């Protein structure tokens, strides 16, 4: 009961800080002087909102997660200043995924990817692609192959993601019942994990290889 009470208080605090009516007004009146004044008042709350979302993510409830996703759609995320938009979009992607809102999760992660591409941040771009992959697996499995391949095409610039991308590619092909291709990617992931002494992924890869 105490945990539930804390969850409700957290949700109420989040709703208060978001002030979605103010944000919606700000979005609709960007060209007005009033919007400029609102923007000067809001930046600290944008960051506070992201901090609350990250805090909520640690103690999620499916019902509250769905409510948060319904209230903070992609257009709301797009209204956040550039310096916190990626953080907001990626956090919302994780919240949506945990609440089984897979299509919404993919949408948030695509927004995060756009921000990362605009900033030429390859690490965040690959993280966004992996987020999309997680959201696509339950509903649109075949689309994940292209998403993961985009990540592999970039991975030379962020090699710390290579093992995970190779493993995920193997996992997707196994789900698609293309066992030969799955084994090929699993073996590449295993070789790279051993080469880099990546102990986090080794047990998972060895388990899937059987």
C-alpha atoms as a PDB file:
ATOM      1  CA  UNK A   1       0.000   0.000   0.000  1.00  0.00           C
ATOM      2  CA  UNK A   2       2.856   2.389   0.830  1.00  0.00           C
ATOM      3  CA  UNK A   3       4.527   1.662  -2.510  1.00  0.00           C
ATOM      4  CA  UNK A   4       1.273   2.337  -4.346  1.00  0.00           C
ATOM      5  CA  UNK A   5       0.867   5.626  -2.462  1.00  0.00           C
ATOM      6  CA  UNK A   6       4.394   6.665  -3.410  1.00  0.00           C
ATOM      7  CA  UNK A   7       3.660   5.795  -7.047  1.00  0.00           C
ATOM      8  CA  UNK A   8       0.533   7.960  -7.063  1.00  0.00           C
ATOM      9  CA  UNK A   9       2.403  10.883  -5.505  1.00  0.00           C
ATOM     10  CA  UNK A  10       5.168  10.514  -8.077  1.00  0.00           C
ATOM     11  CA  UNK A  11       2.627  10.491 -10.909  1.00  0.00           C
ATOM     12  CA  UNK A  12       0.873  13.566  -9.512  1.00  0.00           C
ATOM     13  CA  UNK A  13       4.176  15.399  -9.176  1.00  0.00           C
ATOM     14  CA  UNK A  14       5.094  14.475 -12.735  1.00  0.00           C
ATOM     15  CA  UNK A  15       1.748  15.713 -14.060  1.00  0.00           C
ATOM     16  CA  UNK A  16       2.153  18.983 -12.156  1.00  0.00           C
ATOM     17  CA  UNK A  17       5.654  19.651 -13.445  1.00  0.00           C
ATOM     18  CA  UNK A  18       4.765  18.790 -17.019  1.00  0.00           C
ATOM     19  CA  UNK A  19       2.010  21.402 -17.128  1.00  0.00           C
ATOM     20  CA  UNK A  20       0.920  20.006 -20.474  1.00  0.00           C
ATOM     21  CA  UNK A  21      -1.554  22.848 -20.968  1.00  0.00           C
ATOM     22  CA  UNK A  22       1.310  25.357 -20.831  1.00  0.00           C
ATOM     23  CA  UNK A  23       3.452  23.244 -23.120  1.00  0.00           C
ATOM     24  CA  UNK A  24       0.612  22.891 -25.611  1.00  0.00           C
ATOM     25  CA  UNK A  25       0.078  26.659 -25.544  1.00  0.00           C
ATOM     26  CA  UNK A  26       3.796  27.195 -26.060  1.00  0.00           C
ATOM     27  CA  UNK A  27       3.843  24.819 -29.031  1.00  0.00           C
ATOM     28  CA  UNK A  28       0.846  26.537 -30.618  1.00  0.00           C
ATOM     29  CA  UNK A  29       2.181  30.074 -30.239  1.00  0.00           C
ATOM     30  CA  UNK A  30       5.876  29.752 -31.014  1.00  0.00           C
ATOM     31  CA  UNK A  31       5.870  32.919 -33.085  1.00  0.00           C
ATOM     32  CA  UNK A  32       4.232  35.087 -30.436  1.00  0.00           C
ATOM     33  CA  UNK A  33       5.934  37.226 -27.822  1.00  0.00           C
ATOM     34  CA  UNK A  34       3.968  35.344 -25.171  1.00  0.00           C
ATOM     35  CA  UNK A  35       5.524  32.073 -26.323  1.00  0.00           C
ATOM     36  CA  UNK A  36       9.008  33.582 -26.013  1.00  0.00           C
ATOM     37  CA  UNK A  37       8.232  34.650 -22.459  1.00  0.00           C
ATOM     38  CA  UNK A  38       6.900  31.185 -21.629  1.00  0.00           C
ATOM     39  CA  UNK A  39      10.024  29.610 -23.034  1.00  0.00           C
ATOM     40  CA  UNK A  40      12.181  31.739 -20.712  1.00  0.00           C
ATOM     41  CA  UNK A  41      10.159  30.445 -17.777  1.00  0.00           C
ATOM     42  CA  UNK A  42      10.175  26.768 -18.777  1.00  0.00           C
ATOM     43  CA  UNK A  43      13.743  25.518 -19.418  1.00  0.00           C
ATOM     44  CA  UNK A  44      14.415  24.507 -15.812  1.00  0.00           C
ATOM     45  CA  UNK A  45      11.131  22.583 -15.789  1.00  0.00           C
ATOM     46  CA  UNK A  46      12.037  20.758 -18.981  1.00  0.00           C
ATOM     47  CA  UNK A  47      15.091  19.302 -17.252  1.00  0.00           C
ATOM     48  CA  UNK A  48      13.098  18.640 -14.092  1.00  0.00           C
ATOM     49  CA  UNK A  49      10.560  16.772 -16.204  1.00  0.00           C
ATOM     50  CA  UNK A  50      13.262  14.565 -17.690  1.00  0.00           C
ATOM     51  CA  UNK A  51      14.706  13.930 -14.225  1.00  0.00           C
ATOM     52  CA  UNK A  52      11.270  12.883 -12.970  1.00  0.00           C
ATOM     53  CA  UNK A  53      10.754  10.609 -15.969  1.00  0.00           C
ATOM     54  CA  UNK A  54      14.103   8.945 -15.284  1.00  0.00           C
ATOM     55  CA  UNK A  55      13.155   8.568 -11.632  1.00  0.00           C
ATOM     56  CA  UNK A  56       9.779   7.073 -12.585  1.00  0.00           C
ATOM     57  CA  UNK A  57      11.496   4.647 -14.967  1.00  0.00           C
ATOM     58  CA  UNK A  58      13.232   3.015 -11.989  1.00  0.00           C
ATOM     59  CA  UNK A  59       9.899   2.162 -10.334  1.00  0.00           C
ATOM     60  CA  UNK A  60       7.461   1.612 -13.184  1.00  0.00           C
ATOM     61  CA  UNK A  61       3.850   0.509 -12.997  1.00  0.00           C
ATOM     62  CA  UNK A  62       2.267  -0.609 -16.259  1.00  0.00           C
ATOM     63  CA  UNK A  63      -0.892   1.425 -15.722  1.00  0.00           C
ATOM     64  CA  UNK A  64       0.937   4.636 -14.870  1.00  0.00           C
ATOM     65  CA  UNK A  65       3.382   3.970 -17.693  1.00  0.00           C
ATOM     66  CA  UNK A  66       0.515   3.881 -20.182  1.00  0.00           C
ATOM     67  CA  UNK A  67      -0.885   7.105 -18.745  1.00  0.00           C
ATOM     68  CA  UNK A  68       2.489   8.821 -19.087  1.00  0.00           C
ATOM     69  CA  UNK A  69       2.809   7.603 -22.687  1.00  0.00           C
ATOM     70  CA  UNK A  70      -0.675   8.883 -23.508  1.00  0.00           C
ATOM     71  CA  UNK A  71       0.096  12.322 -22.077  1.00  0.00           C
ATOM     72  CA  UNK A  72       3.596  12.800 -23.466  1.00  0.00           C
ATOM     73  CA  UNK A  73       3.344  11.979 -27.144  1.00  0.00           C
ATOM     74  CA  UNK A  74       6.024  12.655 -29.742  1.00  0.00           C
ATOM     75  CA  UNK A  75       4.806  16.195 -30.441  1.00  0.00           C
ATOM     76  CA  UNK A  76       5.280  17.042 -26.773  1.00  0.00           C
ATOM     77  CA  UNK A  77       8.776  15.555 -26.805  1.00  0.00           C
ATOM     78  CA  UNK A  78       9.594  17.599 -29.905  1.00  0.00           C
ATOM     79  CA  UNK A  79       8.800  20.768 -27.950  1.00  0.00           C
ATOM     80  CA  UNK A  80      11.643  20.106 -25.514  1.00  0.00           C
ATOM     81  CA  UNK A  81      14.824  22.125 -26.026  1.00  0.00           C
ATOM     82  CA  UNK A  82      17.512  20.355 -28.043  1.00  0.00           C
ATOM     83  CA  UNK A  83      19.813  19.883 -25.074  1.00  0.00           C
ATOM     84  CA  UNK A  84      17.304  17.610 -23.290  1.00  0.00           C
ATOM     85  CA  UNK A  85      15.194  16.266 -26.178  1.00  0.00           C
ATOM     86  CA  UNK A  86      17.262  13.127 -26.726  1.00  0.00           C
ATOM     87  CA  UNK A  87      17.202  12.331 -23.022  1.00  0.00           C
ATOM     88  CA  UNK A  88      13.435  12.822 -22.896  1.00  0.00           C
ATOM     89  CA  UNK A  89      12.753  10.756 -26.030  1.00  0.00           C
ATOM     90  CA  UNK A  90      14.992   7.869 -24.986  1.00  0.00           C
ATOM     91  CA  UNK A  91      13.565   7.808 -21.456  1.00  0.00           C
ATOM     92  CA  UNK A  92      10.032   7.791 -22.851  1.00  0.00           C
ATOM     93  CA  UNK A  93      11.058   4.957 -25.160  1.00  0.00           C
ATOM     94  CA  UNK A  94      12.118   2.901 -22.156  1.00  0.00           C
ATOM     95  CA  UNK A  95       8.923   3.737 -20.244  1.00  0.00           C
ATOM     96  CA  UNK A  96       6.741   2.789 -23.224  1.00  0.00           C
ATOM     97  CA  UNK A  97       8.647  -0.470 -23.700  1.00  0.00           C
ATOM     98  CA  UNK A  98       8.204  -1.392 -20.024  1.00  0.00           C
ATOM     99  CA  UNK A  99       4.469  -0.645 -20.330  1.00  0.00           C
ATOM    100  CA  UNK A 100       4.199  -2.929 -23.407  1.00  0.00           C
ATOM    101  CA  UNK A 101       3.406   0.064 -25.619  1.00  0.00           C
ATOM    102  CA  UNK A 102       5.735  -1.141 -28.347  1.00  0.00           C
ATOM    103  CA  UNK A 103       4.585   1.091 -31.214  1.00  0.00           C
ATOM    104  CA  UNK A 104       4.940   4.146 -28.993  1.00  0.00           C
ATOM    105  CA  UNK A 105       8.379   2.972 -27.893  1.00  0.00           C
ATOM    106  CA  UNK A 106       9.528   2.797 -31.517  1.00  0.00           C
ATOM    107  CA  UNK A 107       8.139   6.282 -32.167  1.00  0.00           C
ATOM    108  CA  UNK A 108      10.066   7.775 -29.237  1.00  0.00           C
ATOM    109  CA  UNK A 109      13.265   6.012 -30.231  1.00  0.00           C
ATOM    110  CA  UNK A 110      12.915   7.325 -33.798  1.00  0.00           C
ATOM    111  CA  UNK A 111      12.680  10.827 -32.370  1.00  0.00           C
ATOM    112  CA  UNK A 112      15.792  10.133 -30.312  1.00  0.00           C
ATOM    113  CA  UNK A 113      17.568   8.890 -33.446  1.00  0.00           C
ATOM    114  CA  UNK A 114      16.686  12.078 -35.345  1.00  0.00           C
ATOM    115  CA  UNK A 115      18.159  14.179 -32.561  1.00  0.00           C
ATOM    116  CA  UNK A 116      21.308  12.034 -32.483  1.00  0.00           C
ATOM    117  CA  UNK A 117      21.742  12.256 -36.266  1.00  0.00           C
ATOM    118  CA  UNK A 118      21.311  16.040 -36.186  1.00  0.00           C
ATOM    119  CA  UNK A 119      23.981  16.267 -33.495  1.00  0.00           C
ATOM    120  CA  UNK A 120      26.203  13.732 -35.317  1.00  0.00           C
ATOM    121  CA  UNK A 121      26.354  11.619 -32.155  1.00  0.00           C
ATOM    122  CA  UNK A 122      26.902   8.072 -33.423  1.00  0.00           C
ATOM    123  CA  UNK A 123      26.766   6.459 -29.980  1.00  0.00           C
ATOM    124  CA  UNK A 124      23.354   7.907 -29.263  1.00  0.00           C
ATOM    125  CA  UNK A 125      22.215   7.021 -32.766  1.00  0.00           C
ATOM    126  CA  UNK A 126      23.137   3.363 -32.294  1.00  0.00           C
ATOM    127  CA  UNK A 127      21.519   3.340 -28.848  1.00  0.00           C
ATOM    128  CA  UNK A 128      18.371   4.680 -30.511  1.00  0.00           C
ATOM    129  CA  UNK A 129      18.489   1.946 -33.139  1.00  0.00           C
ATOM    130  CA  UNK A 130      18.787  -0.694 -30.432  1.00  0.00           C
ATOM    131  CA  UNK A 131      15.793   0.886 -28.699  1.00  0.00           C
ATOM    132  CA  UNK A 132      13.802   0.654 -31.935  1.00  0.00           C
ATOM    133  CA  UNK A 133      14.878  -2.954 -32.278  1.00  0.00           C
ATOM    134  CA  UNK A 134      13.477  -3.806 -28.844  1.00  0.00           C
ATOM    135  CA  UNK A 135      10.149  -2.204 -29.713  1.00  0.00           C
ATOM    136  CA  UNK A 136       9.913  -3.835 -33.140  1.00  0.00           C
ATOM    137  CA  UNK A 137      10.704  -7.403 -32.073  1.00  0.00           C
ATOM    138  CA  UNK A 138       7.251  -8.155 -30.551  1.00  0.00           C
ATOM    139  CA  UNK A 139       5.234  -6.732 -33.467  1.00  0.00           C
ATOM    140  CA  UNK A 140       7.270  -6.107 -36.638  1.00  0.00           C
ATOM    141  CA  UNK A 141      10.116  -8.568 -36.464  1.00  0.00           C
ATOM    142  CA  UNK A 142      11.307  -8.343 -40.081  1.00  0.00           C
ATOM    143  CA  UNK A 143      11.832  -4.582 -39.857  1.00  0.00           C
ATOM    144  CA  UNK A 144      14.453  -5.092 -37.175  1.00  0.00           C
ATOM    145  CA  UNK A 145      16.953  -6.503 -39.675  1.00  0.00           C
ATOM    146  CA  UNK A 146      17.262  -3.162 -41.515  1.00  0.00           C
ATOM    147  CA  UNK A 147      17.407  -1.245 -38.218  1.00  0.00           C
ATOM    148  CA  UNK A 148      20.206  -3.429 -36.872  1.00  0.00           C
ATOM    149  CA  UNK A 149      22.081  -3.327 -40.179  1.00  0.00           C
ATOM    150  CA  UNK A 150      22.089   0.468 -39.974  1.00  0.00           C
ATOM    151  CA  UNK A 151      23.711   0.104 -36.565  1.00  0.00           C
ATOM    152  CA  UNK A 152      26.307  -2.347 -37.879  1.00  0.00           C
ATOM    153  CA  UNK A 153      27.137   0.046 -40.704  1.00  0.00           C
ATOM    154  CA  UNK A 154      27.985   2.670 -38.078  1.00  0.00           C
ATOM    155  CA  UNK A 155      29.587   0.464 -35.449  1.00  0.00           C
ATOM    156  CA  UNK A 156      33.187   1.094 -36.493  1.00  0.00           C
ATOM    157  CA  UNK A 157      32.671   4.571 -34.982  1.00  0.00           C
ATOM    158  CA  UNK A 158      31.313   3.133 -31.719  1.00  0.00           C
ATOM    159  CA  UNK A 159      32.793  -0.383 -31.354  1.00  0.00           C
ATOM    160  CA  UNK A 160      31.428  -0.860 -27.823  1.00  0.00           C
ATOM    161  CA  UNK A 161      28.058  -1.686 -29.427  1.00  0.00           C
ATOM    162  CA  UNK A 162      29.356  -4.332 -31.846  1.00  0.00           C
ATOM    163  CA  UNK A 163      28.777  -7.405 -29.676  1.00  0.00           C
ATOM    164  CA  UNK A 164      25.229  -6.363 -28.825  1.00  0.00           C
ATOM    165  CA  UNK A 165      24.347  -5.579 -32.446  1.00  0.00           C
ATOM    166  CA  UNK A 166      25.736  -8.899 -33.682  1.00  0.00           C
ATOM    167  CA  UNK A 167      23.920 -10.803 -30.949  1.00  0.00           C
ATOM    168  CA  UNK A 168      20.626  -9.011 -31.655  1.00  0.00           C
ATOM    169  CA  UNK A 169      20.991  -9.753 -35.373  1.00  0.00           C
ATOM    170  CA  UNK A 170      21.491 -13.425 -34.528  1.00  0.00           C
ATOM    171  CA  UNK A 171      18.490 -13.403 -32.202  1.00  0.00           C
ATOM    172  CA  UNK A 172      16.220 -11.824 -34.818  1.00  0.00           C
ATOM    173  CA  UNK A 173      17.230 -14.349 -37.476  1.00  0.00           C
ATOM    174  CA  UNK A 174      16.626 -17.170 -35.021  1.00  0.00           C
ATOM    175  CA  UNK A 175      13.117 -15.792 -34.425  1.00  0.00           C
ATOM    176  CA  UNK A 176      12.691 -15.632 -38.219  1.00  0.00           C
ATOM    177  CA  UNK A 177      13.714 -19.332 -38.305  1.00  0.00           C
ATOM    178  CA  UNK A 178      16.782 -18.579 -40.434  1.00  0.00           C
ATOM    179  CA  UNK A 179      19.031 -20.704 -38.251  1.00  0.00           C
ATOM    180  CA  UNK A 180      22.060 -20.683 -40.537  1.00  0.00           C
ATOM    181  CA  UNK A 181      22.219 -16.879 -40.578  1.00  0.00           C
ATOM    182  CA  UNK A 182      21.471 -16.730 -36.848  1.00  0.00           C
ATOM    183  CA  UNK A 183      24.410 -19.001 -36.048  1.00  0.00           C
ATOM    184  CA  UNK A 184      26.686 -16.894 -38.266  1.00  0.00           C
ATOM    185  CA  UNK A 185      25.877 -13.735 -36.302  1.00  0.00           C
ATOM    186  CA  UNK A 186      26.020 -15.516 -32.937  1.00  0.00           C
ATOM    187  CA  UNK A 187      29.501 -16.828 -33.777  1.00  0.00           C
ATOM    188  CA  UNK A 188      30.636 -13.349 -34.819  1.00  0.00           C
ATOM    189  CA  UNK A 189      29.241 -11.956 -31.565  1.00  0.00           C
ATOM    190  CA  UNK A 190      31.014 -14.680 -29.590  1.00  0.00           C
ATOM    191  CA  UNK A 191      34.330 -14.046 -31.338  1.00  0.00           C
ATOM    192  CA  UNK A 192      34.088 -10.305 -30.729  1.00  0.00           C
ATOM    193  CA  UNK A 193      33.003 -10.799 -27.087  1.00  0.00           C
ATOM    194  CA  UNK A 194      35.990 -13.062 -26.427  1.00  0.00           C
ATOM    195  CA  UNK A 195      38.337 -10.692 -28.229  1.00  0.00           C
ATOM    196  CA  UNK A 196      37.162  -7.735 -26.128  1.00  0.00           C
ATOM    197  CA  UNK A 197      36.649  -9.803 -22.932  1.00  0.00           C
ATOM    198  CA  UNK A 198      33.024  -8.719 -22.826  1.00  0.00           C
ATOM    199  CA  UNK A 199      31.809 -10.858 -19.919  1.00  0.00           C
ATOM    200  CA  UNK A 200      28.388  -9.203 -19.881  1.00  0.00           C
ATOM    201  CA  UNK A 201      27.365 -10.788 -23.176  1.00  0.00           C
ATOM    202  CA  UNK A 202      29.321 -14.052 -23.195  1.00  0.00           C
ATOM    203  CA  UNK A 203      26.828 -16.137 -21.118  1.00  0.00           C
ATOM    204  CA  UNK A 204      23.867 -14.980 -23.222  1.00  0.00           C
ATOM    205  CA  UNK A 205      25.615 -15.716 -26.516  1.00  0.00           C
ATOM    206  CA  UNK A 206      26.818 -19.157 -25.372  1.00  0.00           C
ATOM    207  CA  UNK A 207      23.331 -19.990 -24.096  1.00  0.00           C
ATOM    208  CA  UNK A 208      21.728 -19.102 -27.446  1.00  0.00           C
ATOM    209  CA  UNK A 209      24.332 -21.062 -29.380  1.00  0.00           C
ATOM    210  CA  UNK A 210      23.444 -24.084 -27.222  1.00  0.00           C
END
